[in-house]
Amino acid sequence: MAPRAYWKGYLRLSLVSCPIQLFPATSEREKIRFHQINRETGNRVRYMKVDADSGDEVAQSDIIKGYEVGKGEYIHLEPEELDAVAIDSTRTIDIEQFVPKQEIDELYIGNPYYIVPDGEVGQQAFAVIREAIAEKGMVALGRVVFTSREHIIALEARGKGMMGLTIRYPYEVRNEKDYFDDIPTEKITKEMLDLASHIVKTKQGHFKPESYEDRYEEALKDIIKKKAAGKKIEHVEHSKPSNVVNLMDALRQSVKGETKPERRKPERTHHRTAKKAGRSNARHKKAG
């Protein structure tokens, strides 16, 4: 079954446009999910939407949006009133600018999406826009509306399609100074840095996502299998990291632990020498 498009609309570069579909590039459906169960009855717990004052259940059709302007005071908004928010990005991603990707701080990068042409009609226009983005070696910035919000989206060519990355607004990113300013400036000696650099060097490699597995997910599966088989789940004592008393000692011990033992060269055998000696003895015997 083909995945359902998360958003449908148009992609436009100046006067060139094409219909597109947008799909989430990641999924968490494969992850284990738990339901809440009543321990006494074994039945699932169900949530109900109730009136905060009366406690009566409220039908979905009677629920509207409300913006709080004061304690217990709300401005009511009906669905059709929210639909009246008329901006172009509701149905069209209009490319506004091209920027180098490295200029976008990782803090601003949100969720990834795959973008594909919607139908055969606009496939050539889609390819033209994709190749124009690829040729520039940059990302194209536009805006799109979904989840009742307008998002900045960065587009880049990826294979036969495109990838879109939502970009956070500045007000959504917290100021790092609020967290880092209280960290004291420590004096680091050259020996400390050399030891730490050696540890880093021994752990260097290339990013291969397939080499990482979700160990917590696998442990959950193991527990579920044991429980299904009627086995008792034993409590596991988790080891705690030791407190570092002397940083230099800890670094030296880490270097020892990370250093791979050198491969010893195989010792040379003396068979050839022995043979020569044997021949020499034979000659002496013959001569005698």
Protein backbone atom coordinates (compact mmCIF):
# COMPACT_ATOMS: atom_id res chain seq x y z
CA MET A 1 0.00 0.00 0.00
CA ALA A 2 1.45 3.36 -1.07
CA PRO A 3 1.99 5.86 1.74
CA ARG A 4 -0.50 8.68 2.01
CA ALA A 5 0.76 12.17 1.19
CA TYR A 6 1.18 14.42 4.23
CA TRP A 7 0.66 17.56 2.13
CA LYS A 8 -0.31 18.31 -1.45
CA GLY A 9 0.11 21.58 -3.29
CA TYR A 10 2.40 23.37 -5.74
CA LEU A 11 6.10 24.16 -5.92
CA ARG A 12 6.92 27.42 -7.68
CA LEU A 13 10.17 28.97 -8.88
CA SER A 14 9.33 32.37 -10.37
CA LEU A 15 6.85 31.56 -13.20
CA VAL A 16 7.61 27.82 -13.27
CA SER A 17 5.37 25.67 -11.06
CA CYS A 18 4.37 22.03 -10.66
CA PRO A 19 2.03 19.98 -8.45
CA ILE A 20 3.86 18.11 -5.68
CA GLN A 21 3.30 15.73 -2.79
CA LEU A 22 5.17 15.82 0.49
CA PHE A 23 5.82 12.72 2.62
CA PRO A 24 7.51 12.36 6.03
CA ALA A 25 11.02 10.95 5.47
CA THR A 26 11.13 9.26 8.88
CA SER A 27 8.79 6.94 10.76
CA GLU A 28 8.41 5.60 14.27
CA ARG A 29 5.70 3.06 13.45
CA GLU A 30 8.16 0.20 13.81
CA LYS A 31 8.87 1.11 17.42
CA ILE A 32 7.19 -0.76 20.26
CA ARG A 33 4.17 1.08 21.60
CA PHE A 34 2.36 0.36 24.84
CA HIS A 35 -1.28 0.83 25.75
CA GLN A 36 -2.37 1.86 29.21
CA ILE A 37 -4.11 -1.03 30.99
CA ASN A 38 -6.22 -1.17 34.14
CA ARG A 39 -4.24 -3.55 36.38
CA GLU A 40 -7.41 -4.73 38.15
CA THR A 41 -9.51 -5.63 35.06
CA GLY A 42 -6.92 -6.00 32.31
CA ASN A 43 -8.93 -3.62 30.12
CA ARG A 44 -7.53 -0.68 28.20
CA VAL A 45 -7.81 2.77 29.71
CA ARG A 46 -9.78 5.18 27.49
CA TYR A 47 -9.49 8.93 27.57
CA MET A 48 -12.59 11.07 27.25
CA LYS A 49 -12.84 14.78 26.49
CA VAL A 50 -14.94 16.30 29.24
CA ASP A 51 -16.16 19.74 30.17
CA ALA A 52 -13.78 21.18 32.77
CA ASP A 53 -16.65 22.43 34.96
CA SER A 54 -19.53 19.98 34.50
CA GLY A 55 -17.42 16.85 33.93
CA ASP A 56 -19.77 15.85 31.09
CA GLU A 57 -18.28 14.22 27.98
CA VAL A 58 -18.09 16.55 24.98
CA ALA A 59 -18.71 15.30 21.43
CA GLN A 60 -15.92 15.98 18.93
CA SER A 61 -18.32 18.02 16.76
CA ASP A 62 -18.86 20.42 19.69
CA ILE A 63 -15.17 21.12 20.24
CA ILE A 64 -13.74 24.35 18.80
CA LYS A 65 -10.49 26.29 19.24
CA GLY A 66 -10.11 28.94 21.91
CA TYR A 67 -7.39 31.54 22.50
CA GLU A 68 -7.02 32.50 26.15
CA VAL A 69 -7.01 36.27 26.70
CA GLY A 70 -7.53 36.11 30.44
CA LYS A 71 -8.14 33.54 33.17
CA GLY A 72 -11.15 31.52 31.99
CA GLU A 73 -11.78 34.00 29.15
CA TYR A 74 -11.35 32.81 25.57
CA ILE A 75 -11.81 34.07 22.02
CA HIS A 76 -13.69 31.31 20.19
CA LEU A 77 -12.67 30.33 16.67
CA GLU A 78 -14.73 28.04 14.44
CA PRO A 79 -13.02 25.71 11.92
CA GLU A 80 -14.24 27.76 8.94
CA GLU A 81 -12.83 30.91 10.55
CA LEU A 82 -9.41 29.28 10.84
CA ASP A 83 -9.68 28.19 7.21
CA ALA A 84 -9.99 31.88 6.35
CA VAL A 85 -6.29 32.36 7.18
CA ALA A 86 -5.46 33.16 3.57
CA ILE A 87 -1.74 33.03 2.78
CA ASP A 88 -0.14 31.64 -0.38
CA SER A 89 1.91 29.01 1.45
CA THR A 90 -1.29 27.16 2.37
CA ARG A 91 -1.25 25.60 -1.10
CA THR A 92 2.05 26.70 -2.65
CA ILE A 93 5.74 26.48 -1.71
CA ASP A 94 7.14 29.59 -3.36
CA ILE A 95 10.96 29.53 -3.56
CA GLU A 96 12.11 32.87 -2.17
CA GLN A 97 15.88 32.50 -1.82
CA PHE A 98 18.90 30.24 -2.34
CA VAL A 99 21.40 29.94 0.52
CA PRO A 100 24.48 27.76 1.29
CA LYS A 101 23.35 24.84 3.45
CA GLN A 102 26.32 25.22 5.80
CA GLU A 103 24.97 28.63 6.81
CA ILE A 104 21.93 27.00 8.45
CA ASP A 105 22.72 26.26 12.09
CA GLU A 106 21.77 22.69 13.08
CA LEU A 107 19.63 24.15 15.87
CA TYR A 108 17.23 25.51 13.25
CA ILE A 109 16.81 22.24 11.31
CA GLY A 110 13.55 20.41 11.99
CA ASN A 111 11.93 17.41 10.29
CA PRO A 112 12.84 15.90 6.89
CA TYR A 113 10.31 15.27 4.10
CA TYR A 114 10.46 13.63 0.67
CA ILE A 115 9.02 15.72 -2.15
CA VAL A 116 7.80 14.10 -5.37
CA PRO A 117 5.77 15.28 -8.39
CA ASP A 118 2.02 14.77 -8.12
CA GLY A 119 0.96 13.17 -11.40
CA GLU A 120 2.54 13.20 -14.85
CA VAL A 121 1.58 16.73 -15.87
CA GLY A 122 4.24 18.62 -13.90
CA GLN A 123 7.10 16.10 -13.98
CA GLN A 124 9.23 18.10 -16.42
CA ALA A 125 8.77 21.32 -14.45
CA PHE A 126 9.64 19.40 -11.26
CA ALA A 127 12.84 18.09 -12.88
CA VAL A 128 13.80 21.60 -14.05
CA ILE A 129 13.38 23.05 -10.54
CA ARG A 130 15.25 20.09 -8.97
CA GLU A 131 18.20 20.42 -11.37
CA ALA A 132 18.31 24.20 -10.90
CA ILE A 133 18.62 23.66 -7.13
CA ALA A 134 21.27 20.94 -7.62
CA GLU A 135 23.31 23.08 -10.01
CA LYS A 136 23.48 25.93 -7.52
CA GLY A 137 24.81 23.55 -4.84
CA MET A 138 22.62 25.38 -2.35
CA VAL A 139 19.27 24.91 -0.67
CA ALA A 140 16.13 26.72 -1.75
CA LEU A 141 14.08 28.41 0.97
CA GLY A 142 10.31 28.64 0.83
CA ARG A 143 7.29 28.47 3.13
CA VAL A 144 4.58 25.86 3.62
CA VAL A 145 1.52 25.56 5.85
CA PHE A 146 0.67 22.30 7.62
CA THR A 147 -0.28 21.33 11.18
CA SER A 148 -2.04 24.73 11.38
CA ARG A 149 1.31 26.53 11.18
CA GLU A 150 3.43 28.16 8.51
CA HIS A 151 6.89 26.60 8.32
CA ILE A 152 10.07 27.70 6.58
CA ILE A 153 11.22 24.80 4.42
CA ALA A 154 14.66 24.23 2.87
CA LEU A 155 14.63 22.23 -0.36
CA GLU A 156 17.52 20.30 -1.85
CA ALA A 157 17.86 17.82 -4.71
CA ARG A 158 18.03 14.18 -3.60
CA GLY A 159 18.15 11.42 -6.18
CA LYS A 160 15.21 11.72 -8.56
CA GLY A 161 13.25 13.75 -6.04
CA MET A 162 13.85 16.43 -3.46
CA MET A 163 14.18 16.59 0.28
CA GLY A 164 12.57 19.30 2.36
CA LEU A 165 13.77 20.24 5.84
CA THR A 166 11.55 22.38 8.03
CA ILE A 167 13.44 25.30 9.56
CA ARG A 168 12.63 26.69 12.99
CA TYR A 169 11.93 30.37 13.54
CA PRO A 170 14.36 32.32 15.76
CA TYR A 171 11.75 32.57 18.56
CA GLU A 172 11.64 28.74 18.69
CA VAL A 173 15.37 28.41 19.40
CA ARG A 174 16.55 28.98 22.94
CA ASN A 175 19.57 31.17 23.57
CA GLU A 176 22.64 29.04 24.30
CA LYS A 177 23.99 31.71 26.65
CA ASP A 178 21.22 30.88 29.13
CA TYR A 179 22.81 27.45 29.50
CA PHE A 180 26.52 27.91 28.77
CA ASP A 181 27.40 31.20 30.46
CA ASP A 182 27.65 29.66 33.94
CA ILE A 183 30.14 27.00 32.81
CA PRO A 184 33.52 28.03 34.28
CA THR A 185 36.60 28.38 32.07
CA GLU A 186 38.95 25.53 32.97
CA LYS A 187 42.69 25.42 32.41
CA ILE A 188 43.59 22.44 30.23
CA THR A 189 47.23 21.35 30.07
CA LYS A 190 48.88 20.18 26.84
CA GLU A 191 49.33 16.67 28.27
CA MET A 192 45.62 16.44 29.07
CA LEU A 193 44.70 17.55 25.57
CA ASP A 194 47.22 15.18 23.98
CA LEU A 195 45.84 12.21 25.94
CA ALA A 196 42.24 13.14 25.10
CA SER A 197 43.17 13.63 21.43
CA HIS A 198 44.76 10.17 21.39
CA ILE A 199 41.51 8.64 22.70
CA VAL A 200 39.54 10.48 20.01
CA LYS A 201 41.94 9.22 17.33
CA THR A 202 41.47 5.58 18.40
CA LYS A 203 37.70 6.01 18.10
CA GLN A 204 37.71 7.76 14.71
CA GLY A 205 35.64 6.25 11.93
CA HIS A 206 32.91 6.93 9.36
CA PHE A 207 29.21 7.28 10.06
CA LYS A 208 27.40 4.08 9.11
CA PRO A 209 23.81 4.24 10.45
CA GLU A 210 23.33 0.49 9.94
CA SER A 211 26.06 -0.22 12.47
CA TYR A 212 23.94 1.35 15.23
CA GLU A 213 21.04 -0.56 16.69
CA ASP A 214 18.37 0.64 19.09
CA ARG A 215 19.54 -1.37 22.11
CA TYR A 216 16.68 -0.17 24.30
CA GLU A 217 14.14 -1.31 21.68
CA GLU A 218 15.82 -4.73 21.44
CA ALA A 219 15.85 -5.05 25.25
CA LEU A 220 12.12 -4.22 25.32
CA LYS A 221 11.43 -6.96 22.75
CA ASP A 222 13.41 -9.41 24.87
CA ILE A 223 11.40 -8.55 27.99
CA ILE A 224 8.09 -8.91 26.09
CA LYS A 225 9.16 -12.34 24.77
CA LYS A 226 10.11 -13.49 28.26
CA LYS A 227 6.84 -12.22 29.71
CA ALA A 228 4.84 -13.94 26.95
CA ALA A 229 6.67 -17.19 27.74
CA GLY A 230 5.74 -16.88 31.42
CA LYS A 231 9.29 -16.20 32.55
CA LYS A 232 10.06 -13.95 35.50
CA ILE A 233 11.58 -10.56 34.72
CA GLU A 234 14.64 -10.14 36.90
CA HIS A 235 15.64 -6.71 38.16
CA VAL A 236 18.93 -5.56 36.63
CA GLU A 237 21.39 -3.49 38.60
CA HIS A 238 22.75 -0.78 36.33
CA SER A 239 26.41 0.04 36.77
CA LYS A 240 27.22 3.60 37.68
CA PRO A 241 30.17 5.47 36.18
CA SER A 242 32.98 5.89 38.67
CA ASN A 243 33.68 9.35 40.04
CA VAL A 244 36.82 10.86 38.53
CA VAL A 245 39.18 11.72 41.37
CA ASN A 246 42.24 12.52 39.26
CA LEU A 247 41.57 13.56 35.66
CA MET A 248 45.11 12.81 34.48
CA ASP A 249 44.95 9.28 35.91
CA ALA A 250 41.58 8.73 34.25
CA LEU A 251 42.94 9.92 30.89
CA ARG A 252 46.05 7.72 31.17
CA GLN A 253 43.96 4.68 32.09
CA SER A 254 41.61 5.43 29.17
CA VAL A 255 44.56 5.60 26.76
CA LYS A 256 45.80 2.24 28.04
CA GLY A 257 42.36 0.74 27.57
CA GLU A 258 41.93 2.16 24.05
CA THR A 259 45.45 1.37 22.77
CA LYS A 260 45.42 -1.77 20.67
CA PRO A 261 48.28 -4.17 21.32
CA GLU A 262 50.83 -4.20 18.50
CA ARG A 263 50.85 -7.28 16.33
CA ARG A 264 54.05 -9.19 16.91
CA LYS A 265 55.97 -10.18 13.83
CA PRO A 266 56.28 -13.94 13.47
CA GLU A 267 59.69 -15.21 14.57
CA ARG A 268 61.92 -16.44 11.81
CA THR A 269 62.41 -20.16 11.75
CA HIS A 270 65.88 -21.63 11.44
CA HIS A 271 64.96 -24.57 9.18
CA ARG A 272 67.02 -23.25 6.28
CA THR A 273 70.08 -22.75 8.50
CA ALA A 274 69.64 -26.22 9.93
CA LYS A 275 69.44 -27.71 6.46
CA LYS A 276 72.62 -25.91 5.41
CA ALA A 277 74.34 -27.12 8.52
CA GLY A 278 73.12 -30.62 7.78
CA ARG A 279 74.54 -30.51 4.23
CA SER A 280 77.84 -29.18 5.51
CA ASN A 281 78.13 -32.05 8.00
CA ALA A 282 77.31 -34.50 5.24
CA ARG A 283 80.16 -33.13 3.13
CA HIS A 284 82.60 -33.47 6.02
CA LYS A 285 81.57 -37.11 6.52
CA LYS A 286 82.01 -37.80 2.81
CA ALA A 287 85.42 -36.23 2.80
CA GLY A 288 86.47 -38.29 5.78
